[in-house]
Amino acid sequence: MACNTMHYTLKNKDHPVLEFEVFNEGKNLHF
């Protein structure tokens, strides 16, 4: 899932890479 999240973050310019880091931790937070 981490890979999918990273790809999604890269495609989404609205959300920075910070979101990917949050998903990696397992916390559903939005920066």
PDB file of N, CA and C in Angstrom:
ATOM      1  N   MET A   1       0.843  -1.204   0.000  1.00  0.00           N
ATOM      2  CA  MET A   1       0.000   0.000   0.000  1.00  0.00           C
ATOM      3  C   MET A   1       0.880   1.256   0.000  1.00  0.00           C
ATOM      4  N   ALA A   2       2.016   1.149   0.623  1.00  0.00           N
ATOM      5  CA  ALA A   2       2.919   2.304   0.690  1.00  0.00           C
ATOM      6  C   ALA A   2       3.290   2.764  -0.720  1.00  0.00           C
ATOM      7  N   CYS A   3       3.552   1.785  -1.590  1.00  0.00           N
ATOM      8  CA  CYS A   3       3.924   2.122  -2.967  1.00  0.00           C
ATOM      9  C   CYS A   3       2.772   2.865  -3.646  1.00  0.00           C
ATOM     10  N   ASN A   4       1.559   2.348  -3.468  1.00  0.00           N
ATOM     11  CA  ASN A   4       0.392   2.976  -4.078  1.00  0.00           C
ATOM     12  C   ASN A   4       0.204   4.395  -3.555  1.00  0.00           C
ATOM     13  N   THR A   5       0.414   4.571  -2.268  1.00  0.00           N
ATOM     14  CA  THR A   5       0.251   5.890  -1.674  1.00  0.00           C
ATOM     15  C   THR A   5       1.278   6.857  -2.245  1.00  0.00           C
ATOM     16  N   MET A   6       2.511   6.379  -2.395  1.00  0.00           N
ATOM     17  CA  MET A   6       3.562   7.240  -2.927  1.00  0.00           C
ATOM     18  C   MET A   6       3.206   7.682  -4.341  1.00  0.00           C
ATOM     19  N   HIS A   7       2.759   6.736  -5.152  1.00  0.00           N
ATOM     20  CA  HIS A   7       2.393   7.051  -6.529  1.00  0.00           C
ATOM     21  C   HIS A   7       1.255   8.072  -6.545  1.00  0.00           C
ATOM     22  N   TYR A   8       0.284   7.872  -5.665  1.00  0.00           N
ATOM     23  CA  TYR A   8      -0.866   8.775  -5.586  1.00  0.00           C
ATOM     24  C   TYR A   8      -0.412  10.179  -5.200  1.00  0.00           C
ATOM     25  N   THR A   9       0.511  10.245  -4.234  1.00  0.00           N
ATOM     26  CA  THR A   9       1.009  11.541  -3.779  1.00  0.00           C
ATOM     27  C   THR A   9       1.755  12.242  -4.908  1.00  0.00           C
ATOM     28  N   LEU A  10       2.553  11.477  -5.643  1.00  0.00           N
ATOM     29  CA  LEU A  10       3.316  12.062  -6.739  1.00  0.00           C
ATOM     30  C   LEU A  10       2.375  12.601  -7.812  1.00  0.00           C
ATOM     31  N   LYS A  11       1.285  11.871  -8.063  1.00  0.00           N
ATOM     32  CA  LYS A  11       0.319  12.310  -9.074  1.00  0.00           C
ATOM     33  C   LYS A  11      -0.459  13.530  -8.576  1.00  0.00           C
ATOM     34  N   ASN A  12      -0.755  13.535  -7.307  1.00  0.00           N
ATOM     35  CA  ASN A  12      -1.514  14.645  -6.739  1.00  0.00           C
ATOM     36  C   ASN A  12      -0.581  15.787  -6.353  1.00  0.00           C
ATOM     37  N   LYS A  13      -0.665  16.895  -7.040  1.00  0.00           N
ATOM     38  CA  LYS A  13       0.201  18.034  -6.718  1.00  0.00           C
ATOM     39  C   LYS A  13      -0.376  18.829  -5.546  1.00  0.00           C
ATOM     40  N   ASP A  14      -1.669  18.659  -5.298  1.00  0.00           N
ATOM     41  CA  ASP A  14      -2.306  19.392  -4.205  1.00  0.00           C
ATOM     42  C   ASP A  14      -1.760  18.937  -2.854  1.00  0.00           C
ATOM     43  N   HIS A  15      -1.419  17.638  -2.767  1.00  0.00           N
ATOM     44  CA  HIS A  15      -0.905  17.100  -1.507  1.00  0.00           C
ATOM     45  C   HIS A  15       0.594  16.862  -1.619  1.00  0.00           C
ATOM     46  N   PRO A  16       1.373  17.463  -0.745  1.00  0.00           N
ATOM     47  CA  PRO A  16       2.830  17.303  -0.752  1.00  0.00           C
ATOM     48  C   PRO A  16       3.251  15.897  -0.350  1.00  0.00           C
ATOM     49  N   VAL A  17       4.560  15.671  -0.370  1.00  0.00           N
ATOM     50  CA  VAL A  17       5.092  14.350  -0.001  1.00  0.00           C
ATOM     51  C   VAL A  17       4.849  14.076   1.482  1.00  0.00           C
ATOM     52  N   LEU A  18       4.539  15.130   2.246  1.00  0.00           N
ATOM     53  CA  LEU A  18       4.290  14.954   3.682  1.00  0.00           C
ATOM     54  C   LEU A  18       3.180  13.938   3.903  1.00  0.00           C
ATOM     55  N   GLU A  19       2.177  13.989   3.047  1.00  0.00           N
ATOM     56  CA  GLU A  19       1.047  13.057   3.181  1.00  0.00           C
ATOM     57  C   GLU A  19       1.543  11.613   3.069  1.00  0.00           C
ATOM     58  N   PHE A  20       2.465  11.378   2.125  1.00  0.00           N
ATOM     59  CA  PHE A  20       3.011  10.029   1.947  1.00  0.00           C
ATOM     60  C   PHE A  20       3.710   9.579   3.225  1.00  0.00           C
ATOM     61  N   GLU A  21       4.478  10.476   3.832  1.00  0.00           N
ATOM     62  CA  GLU A  21       5.177  10.138   5.073  1.00  0.00           C
ATOM     63  C   GLU A  21       4.173   9.773   6.160  1.00  0.00           C
ATOM     64  N   VAL A  22       3.085  10.498   6.234  1.00  0.00           N
ATOM     65  CA  VAL A  22       2.061  10.220   7.246  1.00  0.00           C
ATOM     66  C   VAL A  22       1.473   8.835   7.024  1.00  0.00           C
ATOM     67  N   PHE A  23       1.180   8.513   5.769  1.00  0.00           N
ATOM     68  CA  PHE A  23       0.621   7.194   5.461  1.00  0.00           C
ATOM     69  C   PHE A  23       1.615   6.097   5.826  1.00  0.00           C
ATOM     70  N   ASN A  24       2.898   6.378   5.613  1.00  0.00           N
ATOM     71  CA  ASN A  24       3.929   5.397   5.933  1.00  0.00           C
ATOM     72  C   ASN A  24       3.918   5.092   7.426  1.00  0.00           C
ATOM     73  N   GLU A  25       3.673   6.097   8.231  1.00  0.00           N
ATOM     74  CA  GLU A  25       3.635   5.918   9.683  1.00  0.00           C
ATOM     75  C   GLU A  25       2.389   5.141  10.098  1.00  0.00           C
ATOM     76  N   GLY A  26       1.336   5.251   9.311  1.00  0.00           N
ATOM     77  CA  GLY A  26       0.110   4.539   9.637  1.00  0.00           C
ATOM     78  C   GLY A  26      -0.911   5.472  10.270  1.00  0.00           C
ATOM     79  N   LYS A  27      -0.610   6.781  10.259  1.00  0.00           N
ATOM     80  CA  LYS A  27      -1.554   7.745  10.848  1.00  0.00           C
ATOM     81  C   LYS A  27      -2.324   8.434   9.724  1.00  0.00           C
ATOM     82  N   ASN A  28      -3.622   8.442   9.823  1.00  0.00           N
ATOM     83  CA  ASN A  28      -4.450   9.050   8.785  1.00  0.00           C
ATOM     84  C   ASN A  28      -4.579  10.554   9.043  1.00  0.00           C
ATOM     85  N   LEU A  29      -3.492  11.282   8.811  1.00  0.00           N
ATOM     86  CA  LEU A  29      -3.513  12.734   9.045  1.00  0.00           C
ATOM     87  C   LEU A  29      -3.384  13.471   7.725  1.00  0.00           C
ATOM     88  N   HIS A  30      -3.907  14.677   7.674  1.00  0.00           N
ATOM     89  CA  HIS A  30      -3.816  15.489   6.460  1.00  0.00           C
ATOM     90  C   HIS A  30      -3.100  16.798   6.765  1.00  0.00           C
ATOM     91  N   PHE A  31      -2.001  17.033   6.053  1.00  0.00           N
ATOM     92  CA  PHE A  31      -1.244  18.266   6.280  1.00  0.00           C
ATOM     93  C   PHE A  31      -1.746  19.375   5.373  1.00  0.00           C
TER      94      PHE A  31
END
